[in-house]
Amino acid sequence: MVRDAEAHAAEDKRRREIVELKNQSDSLAYQSEKSLGDLGDKVDSVQKGRAEGLIKDLRDAIAQEDEGRMQTLSNELQQLMMQISQSAYSEPQSQPAGGDGGTSGGDEGVVEGEYTVE
């Protein structure tokens, strides 16, 4: 048995790497779908379509256990999702900043107290 285990150690290691890559790819596909759903209309339709296509291709590569495609598609999908997230979250951050400038003008009626030492 020990000899069999040693003889198949490289094969087992290779199989483990593929399974880990499949799990990571599937997790990325799921998270990307969830993020697209959460962001909703904040996502550009062209980017959303491209992301959905990459997710579908990634799931196909997972089913075929195509290691090279899984790595390539995972990298492309990660980069695209970072771009989508940055563009979606950069817009709301600029709006409150403009709104805060308007509220500071509303403090004109506030009078600061004076403190004197006797």
C-alpha atoms as a PDB file:
ATOM      1  CA  MET A   1       0.000   0.000   0.000  1.00  0.00           C
ATOM      2  CA  VAL A   2       2.786   2.368   0.850  1.00  0.00           C
ATOM      3  CA  ARG A   3       4.399   1.702  -2.510  1.00  0.00           C
ATOM      4  CA  ASP A   4       1.096   2.359  -4.260  1.00  0.00           C
ATOM      5  CA  ALA A   5       0.707   5.643  -2.397  1.00  0.00           C
ATOM      6  CA  GLU A   6       4.233   6.686  -3.315  1.00  0.00           C
ATOM      7  CA  ALA A   7       3.722   5.652  -6.921  1.00  0.00           C
ATOM      8  CA  HIS A   8       0.549   7.707  -7.215  1.00  0.00           C
ATOM      9  CA  ALA A   9       1.704  10.688  -5.137  1.00  0.00           C
ATOM     10  CA  ALA A  10       2.373  12.873  -8.172  1.00  0.00           C
ATOM     11  CA  GLU A  11      -0.965  11.944  -9.701  1.00  0.00           C
ATOM     12  CA  ASP A  12      -2.757  12.684  -6.422  1.00  0.00           C
ATOM     13  CA  LYS A  13      -1.006  16.033  -6.116  1.00  0.00           C
ATOM     14  CA  ARG A  14      -2.001  16.954  -9.682  1.00  0.00           C
ATOM     15  CA  ARG A  15      -5.612  15.949  -9.052  1.00  0.00           C
ATOM     16  CA  ARG A  16      -5.684  18.011  -5.859  1.00  0.00           C
ATOM     17  CA  GLU A  17      -4.411  21.101  -7.705  1.00  0.00           C
ATOM     18  CA  ILE A  18      -7.138  20.737 -10.323  1.00  0.00           C
ATOM     19  CA  VAL A  19      -9.838  20.339  -7.675  1.00  0.00           C
ATOM     20  CA  GLU A  20      -8.588  23.432  -5.816  1.00  0.00           C
ATOM     21  CA  LEU A  21      -8.566  25.434  -9.052  1.00  0.00           C
ATOM     22  CA  LYS A  22     -12.105  24.267  -9.822  1.00  0.00           C
ATOM     23  CA  ASN A  23     -13.265  25.319  -6.352  1.00  0.00           C
ATOM     24  CA  GLN A  24     -11.618  28.746  -6.619  1.00  0.00           C
ATOM     25  CA  SER A  25     -13.057  29.291 -10.093  1.00  0.00           C
ATOM     26  CA  ASP A  26     -16.534  28.240  -9.034  1.00  0.00           C
ATOM     27  CA  SER A  27     -16.356  30.522  -5.998  1.00  0.00           C
ATOM     28  CA  LEU A  28     -15.272  33.432  -8.194  1.00  0.00           C
ATOM     29  CA  ALA A  29     -18.141  32.779 -10.615  1.00  0.00           C
ATOM     30  CA  TYR A  30     -20.652  32.696  -7.755  1.00  0.00           C
ATOM     31  CA  GLN A  31     -19.296  35.854  -6.119  1.00  0.00           C
ATOM     32  CA  SER A  32     -19.282  37.662  -9.447  1.00  0.00           C
ATOM     33  CA  GLU A  33     -22.910  36.724 -10.135  1.00  0.00           C
ATOM     34  CA  LYS A  34     -23.865  37.878  -6.648  1.00  0.00           C
ATOM     35  CA  SER A  35     -22.014  41.178  -7.054  1.00  0.00           C
ATOM     36  CA  LEU A  36     -23.654  41.842 -10.412  1.00  0.00           C
ATOM     37  CA  GLY A  37     -27.047  41.197  -8.851  1.00  0.00           C
ATOM     38  CA  ASP A  38     -26.305  43.420  -5.855  1.00  0.00           C
ATOM     39  CA  LEU A  39     -25.025  46.301  -7.980  1.00  0.00           C
ATOM     40  CA  GLY A  40     -28.042  46.136 -10.296  1.00  0.00           C
ATOM     41  CA  ASP A  41     -28.401  49.226 -12.489  1.00  0.00           C
ATOM     42  CA  LYS A  42     -25.093  50.715 -11.347  1.00  0.00           C
ATOM     43  CA  VAL A  43     -23.300  48.379 -13.773  1.00  0.00           C
ATOM     44  CA  ASP A  44     -22.810  49.399 -17.395  1.00  0.00           C
ATOM     45  CA  SER A  45     -24.778  47.017 -19.638  1.00  0.00           C
ATOM     46  CA  VAL A  46     -21.740  46.305 -21.844  1.00  0.00           C
ATOM     47  CA  GLN A  47     -19.574  45.381 -18.848  1.00  0.00           C
ATOM     48  CA  LYS A  48     -22.382  43.337 -17.327  1.00  0.00           C
ATOM     49  CA  GLY A  49     -22.830  41.388 -20.552  1.00  0.00           C
ATOM     50  CA  ARG A  50     -19.104  40.748 -20.791  1.00  0.00           C
ATOM     51  CA  ALA A  51     -18.986  39.579 -17.153  1.00  0.00           C
ATOM     52  CA  GLU A  52     -21.938  37.239 -17.675  1.00  0.00           C
ATOM     53  CA  GLY A  53     -20.208  35.794 -20.749  1.00  0.00           C
ATOM     54  CA  LEU A  54     -16.992  35.241 -18.804  1.00  0.00           C
ATOM     55  CA  ILE A  55     -18.933  33.564 -15.991  1.00  0.00           C
ATOM     56  CA  LYS A  56     -20.609  31.199 -18.463  1.00  0.00           C
ATOM     57  CA  ASP A  57     -17.289  30.393 -20.147  1.00  0.00           C
ATOM     58  CA  LEU A  58     -15.658  29.846 -16.755  1.00  0.00           C
ATOM     59  CA  ARG A  59     -18.377  27.408 -15.712  1.00  0.00           C
ATOM     60  CA  ASP A  60     -17.906  25.536 -19.011  1.00  0.00           C
ATOM     61  CA  ALA A  61     -14.149  25.350 -18.386  1.00  0.00           C
ATOM     62  CA  ILE A  62     -14.830  24.021 -14.875  1.00  0.00           C
ATOM     63  CA  ALA A  63     -17.098  21.302 -16.272  1.00  0.00           C
ATOM     64  CA  GLN A  64     -14.418  20.318 -18.801  1.00  0.00           C
ATOM     65  CA  GLU A  65     -11.640  20.581 -16.203  1.00  0.00           C
ATOM     66  CA  ASP A  66      -9.649  22.752 -18.623  1.00  0.00           C
ATOM     67  CA  GLU A  67      -6.975  24.066 -16.295  1.00  0.00           C
ATOM     68  CA  GLY A  68      -5.498  26.672 -18.630  1.00  0.00           C
ATOM     69  CA  ARG A  69      -8.876  28.170 -19.536  1.00  0.00           C
ATOM     70  CA  MET A  70      -9.950  28.242 -15.896  1.00  0.00           C
ATOM     71  CA  GLN A  71      -6.874  30.260 -14.946  1.00  0.00           C
ATOM     72  CA  THR A  72      -7.170  32.637 -17.906  1.00  0.00           C
ATOM     73  CA  LEU A  73     -10.902  33.215 -17.488  1.00  0.00           C
ATOM     74  CA  SER A  74     -10.567  33.617 -13.709  1.00  0.00           C
ATOM     75  CA  ASN A  75      -7.940  36.316 -14.166  1.00  0.00           C
ATOM     76  CA  GLU A  76     -10.026  38.130 -16.791  1.00  0.00           C
ATOM     77  CA  LEU A  77     -13.157  37.934 -14.649  1.00  0.00           C
ATOM     78  CA  GLN A  78     -11.336  39.209 -11.544  1.00  0.00           C
ATOM     79  CA  GLN A  79      -9.980  42.203 -13.430  1.00  0.00           C
ATOM     80  CA  LEU A  80     -13.361  42.991 -14.976  1.00  0.00           C
ATOM     81  CA  MET A  81     -15.157  42.721 -11.637  1.00  0.00           C
ATOM     82  CA  MET A  82     -12.612  45.084 -10.068  1.00  0.00           C
ATOM     83  CA  GLN A  83     -13.291  47.602 -12.838  1.00  0.00           C
ATOM     84  CA  ILE A  84     -17.043  47.206 -12.425  1.00  0.00           C
ATOM     85  CA  SER A  85     -16.823  47.651  -8.649  1.00  0.00           C
ATOM     86  CA  GLN A  86     -14.599  50.709  -8.940  1.00  0.00           C
ATOM     87  CA  SER A  87     -16.883  52.409 -11.439  1.00  0.00           C
ATOM     88  CA  ALA A  88     -20.035  51.505  -9.503  1.00  0.00           C
ATOM     89  CA  TYR A  89     -18.716  52.717  -6.154  1.00  0.00           C
ATOM     90  CA  SER A  90     -16.900  55.795  -7.403  1.00  0.00           C
ATOM     91  CA  GLU A  91     -20.145  57.510  -8.469  1.00  0.00           C
ATOM     92  CA  PRO A  92     -21.921  57.395  -5.075  1.00  0.00           C
ATOM     93  CA  GLN A  93     -18.819  58.648  -3.282  1.00  0.00           C
ATOM     94  CA  SER A  94     -18.695  61.796  -5.388  1.00  0.00           C
ATOM     95  CA  GLN A  95     -22.394  62.602  -4.838  1.00  0.00           C
ATOM     96  CA  PRO A  96     -22.329  62.757  -1.016  1.00  0.00           C
ATOM     97  CA  ALA A  97     -19.224  64.929  -1.162  1.00  0.00           C
ATOM     98  CA  GLY A  98     -21.198  67.515  -3.130  1.00  0.00           C
ATOM     99  CA  GLY A  99     -24.100  67.148  -0.704  1.00  0.00           C
ATOM    100  CA  ASP A 100     -21.869  67.729   2.298  1.00  0.00           C
ATOM    101  CA  GLY A 101     -20.751  71.058   0.863  1.00  0.00           C
ATOM    102  CA  GLY A 102     -24.377  72.209   0.835  1.00  0.00           C
ATOM    103  CA  THR A 103     -25.004  71.251   4.447  1.00  0.00           C
ATOM    104  CA  SER A 104     -22.073  73.253   5.740  1.00  0.00           C
ATOM    105  CA  GLY A 105     -23.818  76.414   4.550  1.00  0.00           C
ATOM    106  CA  GLY A 106     -26.821  75.491   6.742  1.00  0.00           C
ATOM    107  CA  ASP A 107     -24.786  76.141   9.889  1.00  0.00           C
ATOM    108  CA  GLU A 108     -24.854  79.914   9.407  1.00  0.00           C
ATOM    109  CA  GLY A 109     -27.386  80.384  12.206  1.00  0.00           C
ATOM    110  CA  VAL A 110     -25.194  78.653  14.769  1.00  0.00           C
ATOM    111  CA  VAL A 111     -23.431  81.008  17.151  1.00  0.00           C
ATOM    112  CA  GLU A 112     -20.384  79.778  18.945  1.00  0.00           C
ATOM    113  CA  GLY A 113     -20.253  80.542  22.632  1.00  0.00           C
ATOM    114  CA  GLU A 114     -17.591  82.761  24.053  1.00  0.00           C
ATOM    115  CA  TYR A 115     -15.521  81.744  27.020  1.00  0.00           C
ATOM    116  CA  THR A 116     -13.874  84.302  29.255  1.00  0.00           C
ATOM    117  CA  VAL A 117     -11.607  83.722  32.233  1.00  0.00           C
ATOM    118  CA  GLU A 118     -12.055  86.047  35.163  1.00  0.00           C
END
